[in-house]
Amino acid sequence: MRTEQAILSGLLYNEEYLRKTIAFIKDEYFHDIGDQTVFKLISDYLDKYNRPPTKEALQIELGNIAMPEGVFNSSIETLDDLS
């Protein structure tokens, strides 16, 4: 597992980790555009609903955003790889 995937998995599946670290993580820390997009989705979801997102909620949010097909596919792949 790549470091970026470990961070995103922690943000998605560990609420305590999410709340303690989200303020210190920037999207430019992620080199892959899919990882950046997923991070932005997690951050925006937390800001909007004040609770951690589920994987399914992120997939729905991702489908509601207009973006190039390559970015969408990379983001879906990133979400599928998170465990």
N, C-alpha and C. Protein backbone atom coordinates (compact mmCIF):
# COMPACT_ATOMS: atom_id res chain seq x y z
N MET A 1 0.84 -1.18 0.00
CA MET A 1 0.00 0.00 0.00
C MET A 1 0.89 1.24 0.00
N ARG A 2 0.56 2.15 -0.88
CA ARG A 2 1.29 3.41 -0.95
C ARG A 2 0.94 4.29 0.25
N THR A 3 1.82 5.22 0.56
CA THR A 3 1.60 6.13 1.68
C THR A 3 0.32 6.93 1.49
N GLU A 4 0.10 7.42 0.28
CA GLU A 4 -1.10 8.20 0.02
C GLU A 4 -2.36 7.38 0.26
N GLN A 5 -2.34 6.12 -0.15
CA GLN A 5 -3.49 5.25 0.08
C GLN A 5 -3.72 5.02 1.57
N ALA A 6 -2.65 4.86 2.31
CA ALA A 6 -2.76 4.65 3.76
C ALA A 6 -3.39 5.87 4.42
N ILE A 7 -2.99 7.06 3.98
CA ILE A 7 -3.55 8.30 4.53
C ILE A 7 -5.04 8.39 4.20
N LEU A 8 -5.38 8.16 2.95
CA LEU A 8 -6.79 8.25 2.54
C LEU A 8 -7.64 7.20 3.24
N SER A 9 -7.10 5.99 3.40
CA SER A 9 -7.84 4.94 4.13
C SER A 9 -8.07 5.35 5.57
N GLY A 10 -7.06 5.92 6.20
CA GLY A 10 -7.21 6.40 7.56
C GLY A 10 -8.27 7.49 7.67
N LEU A 11 -8.28 8.40 6.70
CA LEU A 11 -9.28 9.47 6.71
C LEU A 11 -10.69 8.92 6.53
N LEU A 12 -10.81 7.89 5.73
CA LEU A 12 -12.13 7.35 5.40
C LEU A 12 -12.66 6.42 6.49
N TYR A 13 -11.79 5.65 7.12
CA TYR A 13 -12.25 4.61 8.03
C TYR A 13 -11.94 4.84 9.51
N ASN A 14 -11.25 5.92 9.84
CA ASN A 14 -10.89 6.17 11.24
C ASN A 14 -11.25 7.62 11.57
N GLU A 15 -12.40 7.82 12.21
CA GLU A 15 -12.90 9.17 12.46
C GLU A 15 -11.95 9.98 13.35
N GLU A 16 -11.36 9.34 14.35
CA GLU A 16 -10.44 10.06 15.24
C GLU A 16 -9.23 10.57 14.44
N TYR A 17 -8.67 9.72 13.60
CA TYR A 17 -7.55 10.12 12.74
C TYR A 17 -7.98 11.26 11.81
N LEU A 18 -9.16 11.13 11.22
CA LEU A 18 -9.68 12.15 10.31
C LEU A 18 -9.75 13.51 11.00
N ARG A 19 -10.36 13.55 12.15
CA ARG A 19 -10.57 14.83 12.84
C ARG A 19 -9.26 15.45 13.35
N LYS A 20 -8.29 14.62 13.69
CA LYS A 20 -7.02 15.14 14.21
C LYS A 20 -6.06 15.59 13.09
N THR A 21 -6.17 15.01 11.91
CA THR A 21 -5.17 15.28 10.88
C THR A 21 -5.65 16.09 9.68
N ILE A 22 -6.94 16.15 9.43
CA ILE A 22 -7.44 16.76 8.20
C ILE A 22 -6.97 18.21 8.04
N ALA A 23 -6.84 18.93 9.13
CA ALA A 23 -6.44 20.34 9.05
C ALA A 23 -4.98 20.51 8.62
N PHE A 24 -4.19 19.46 8.75
CA PHE A 24 -2.76 19.55 8.45
C PHE A 24 -2.39 18.96 7.10
N ILE A 25 -3.33 18.35 6.42
CA ILE A 25 -3.06 17.70 5.14
C ILE A 25 -3.54 18.61 4.01
N LYS A 26 -2.70 18.75 3.00
CA LYS A 26 -3.05 19.56 1.84
C LYS A 26 -3.15 18.66 0.62
N ASP A 27 -3.99 19.06 -0.33
CA ASP A 27 -4.18 18.22 -1.51
C ASP A 27 -2.91 18.12 -2.35
N GLU A 28 -2.02 19.09 -2.26
CA GLU A 28 -0.79 19.01 -3.06
C GLU A 28 0.18 17.95 -2.54
N TYR A 29 -0.10 17.38 -1.37
CA TYR A 29 0.73 16.29 -0.85
C TYR A 29 0.52 15.00 -1.66
N PHE A 30 -0.57 14.94 -2.40
CA PHE A 30 -0.90 13.75 -3.18
C PHE A 30 -0.48 13.98 -4.63
N HIS A 31 0.34 13.08 -5.15
CA HIS A 31 0.87 13.25 -6.50
C HIS A 31 -0.09 12.78 -7.58
N ASP A 32 -0.89 11.78 -7.29
CA ASP A 32 -1.84 11.23 -8.26
C ASP A 32 -3.12 12.07 -8.24
N ILE A 33 -3.63 12.40 -9.41
CA ILE A 33 -4.82 13.25 -9.52
C ILE A 33 -6.03 12.57 -8.89
N GLY A 34 -6.10 11.26 -8.97
CA GLY A 34 -7.21 10.53 -8.34
C GLY A 34 -7.14 10.65 -6.83
N ASP A 35 -5.94 10.54 -6.28
CA ASP A 35 -5.76 10.69 -4.83
C ASP A 35 -6.12 12.10 -4.38
N GLN A 36 -5.71 13.10 -5.17
CA GLN A 36 -6.04 14.49 -4.84
C GLN A 36 -7.54 14.70 -4.84
N THR A 37 -8.20 14.16 -5.84
CA THR A 37 -9.64 14.32 -5.96
C THR A 37 -10.37 13.67 -4.80
N VAL A 38 -9.96 12.46 -4.43
CA VAL A 38 -10.59 11.76 -3.31
C VAL A 38 -10.35 12.53 -2.00
N PHE A 39 -9.14 13.04 -1.81
CA PHE A 39 -8.87 13.84 -0.62
C PHE A 39 -9.79 15.06 -0.56
N LYS A 40 -9.93 15.77 -1.68
CA LYS A 40 -10.79 16.95 -1.72
C LYS A 40 -12.23 16.57 -1.41
N LEU A 41 -12.69 15.42 -1.93
CA LEU A 41 -14.05 14.96 -1.65
C LEU A 41 -14.24 14.70 -0.16
N ILE A 42 -13.28 14.03 0.46
CA ILE A 42 -13.36 13.74 1.90
C ILE A 42 -13.40 15.04 2.69
N SER A 43 -12.52 15.96 2.37
CA SER A 43 -12.44 17.24 3.07
C SER A 43 -13.72 18.04 2.89
N ASP A 44 -14.21 18.13 1.67
CA ASP A 44 -15.44 18.89 1.40
C ASP A 44 -16.65 18.25 2.09
N TYR A 45 -16.70 16.93 2.09
CA TYR A 45 -17.81 16.23 2.74
C TYR A 45 -17.81 16.52 4.24
N LEU A 46 -16.64 16.46 4.85
CA LEU A 46 -16.54 16.75 6.28
C LEU A 46 -16.96 18.19 6.58
N ASP A 47 -16.53 19.12 5.75
CA ASP A 47 -16.92 20.52 5.93
C ASP A 47 -18.44 20.71 5.80
N LYS A 48 -19.02 20.02 4.84
CA LYS A 48 -20.44 20.19 4.55
C LYS A 48 -21.34 19.52 5.59
N TYR A 49 -21.00 18.28 5.98
CA TYR A 49 -21.89 17.49 6.85
C TYR A 49 -21.36 17.30 8.27
N ASN A 50 -20.14 17.70 8.54
CA ASN A 50 -19.49 17.56 9.84
C ASN A 50 -19.51 16.11 10.34
N ARG A 51 -19.35 15.19 9.42
CA ARG A 51 -19.21 13.77 9.77
C ARG A 51 -18.40 13.11 8.66
N PRO A 52 -17.74 12.01 8.99
CA PRO A 52 -16.93 11.34 7.98
C PRO A 52 -17.79 10.72 6.88
N PRO A 53 -17.30 10.75 5.66
CA PRO A 53 -18.08 10.16 4.56
C PRO A 53 -17.92 8.64 4.53
N THR A 54 -18.85 8.00 3.87
CA THR A 54 -18.70 6.58 3.56
C THR A 54 -18.14 6.49 2.14
N LYS A 55 -17.65 5.33 1.81
CA LYS A 55 -17.12 5.11 0.46
C LYS A 55 -18.23 5.34 -0.58
N GLU A 56 -19.42 4.88 -0.26
CA GLU A 56 -20.55 5.02 -1.17
C GLU A 56 -20.93 6.49 -1.35
N ALA A 57 -20.89 7.26 -0.27
CA ALA A 57 -21.20 8.69 -0.37
C ALA A 57 -20.19 9.40 -1.26
N LEU A 58 -18.92 9.02 -1.14
CA LEU A 58 -17.90 9.63 -1.99
C LEU A 58 -18.11 9.28 -3.46
N GLN A 59 -18.53 8.05 -3.72
CA GLN A 59 -18.80 7.65 -5.11
C GLN A 59 -19.95 8.46 -5.69
N ILE A 60 -20.97 8.72 -4.88
CA ILE A 60 -22.09 9.54 -5.33
C ILE A 60 -21.64 10.97 -5.58
N GLU A 61 -20.88 11.53 -4.64
CA GLU A 61 -20.36 12.90 -4.80
C GLU A 61 -19.49 13.00 -6.05
N LEU A 62 -18.69 11.99 -6.29
CA LEU A 62 -17.81 11.97 -7.45
C LEU A 62 -18.62 12.00 -8.74
N GLY A 63 -19.73 11.29 -8.76
CA GLY A 63 -20.59 11.26 -9.94
C GLY A 63 -21.29 12.58 -10.19
N ASN A 64 -21.39 13.43 -9.19
CA ASN A 64 -22.08 14.71 -9.32
C ASN A 64 -21.17 15.85 -9.75
N ILE A 65 -19.88 15.57 -9.92
CA ILE A 65 -18.92 16.60 -10.28
C ILE A 65 -18.51 16.43 -11.74
N ALA A 66 -18.52 17.52 -12.48
CA ALA A 66 -18.05 17.49 -13.87
C ALA A 66 -16.53 17.50 -13.88
N MET A 67 -15.94 16.50 -14.52
CA MET A 67 -14.49 16.41 -14.60
C MET A 67 -14.11 15.58 -15.82
N PRO A 68 -12.86 15.67 -16.26
CA PRO A 68 -12.42 14.84 -17.37
C PRO A 68 -12.54 13.35 -17.02
N GLU A 69 -12.78 12.56 -18.03
CA GLU A 69 -12.98 11.12 -17.83
C GLU A 69 -11.77 10.45 -17.17
N GLY A 70 -10.57 10.87 -17.53
CA GLY A 70 -9.36 10.30 -16.94
C GLY A 70 -9.27 10.56 -15.44
N VAL A 71 -9.65 11.74 -15.02
CA VAL A 71 -9.63 12.09 -13.60
C VAL A 71 -10.70 11.27 -12.87
N PHE A 72 -11.87 11.16 -13.48
CA PHE A 72 -12.96 10.37 -12.88
C PHE A 72 -12.53 8.92 -12.70
N ASN A 73 -11.97 8.33 -13.75
CA ASN A 73 -11.55 6.93 -13.68
C ASN A 73 -10.45 6.72 -12.64
N SER A 74 -9.51 7.63 -12.57
CA SER A 74 -8.44 7.55 -11.58
C SER A 74 -8.99 7.66 -10.17
N SER A 75 -9.97 8.52 -9.98
CA SER A 75 -10.59 8.70 -8.66
C SER A 75 -11.37 7.46 -8.25
N ILE A 76 -12.10 6.87 -9.18
CA ILE A 76 -12.84 5.64 -8.90
C ILE A 76 -11.87 4.53 -8.53
N GLU A 77 -10.77 4.43 -9.26
CA GLU A 77 -9.75 3.42 -8.96
C GLU A 77 -9.17 3.63 -7.56
N THR A 78 -8.90 4.87 -7.20
CA THR A 78 -8.40 5.18 -5.86
C THR A 78 -9.41 4.74 -4.80
N LEU A 79 -10.67 5.07 -5.00
CA LEU A 79 -11.70 4.67 -4.03
C LEU A 79 -11.79 3.16 -3.92
N ASP A 80 -11.73 2.46 -5.04
CA ASP A 80 -11.81 1.00 -5.02
C ASP A 80 -10.65 0.37 -4.28
N ASP A 81 -9.49 1.02 -4.30
CA ASP A 81 -8.29 0.48 -3.65
C ASP A 81 -8.24 0.73 -2.14
N LEU A 82 -9.10 1.61 -1.64
CA LEU A 82 -9.07 1.92 -0.21
C LEU A 82 -9.73 0.81 0.59
N SER A 83 -9.06 0.46 1.69
CA SER A 83 -9.62 -0.60 2.57
C SER A 83 -9.32 -0.28 4.00
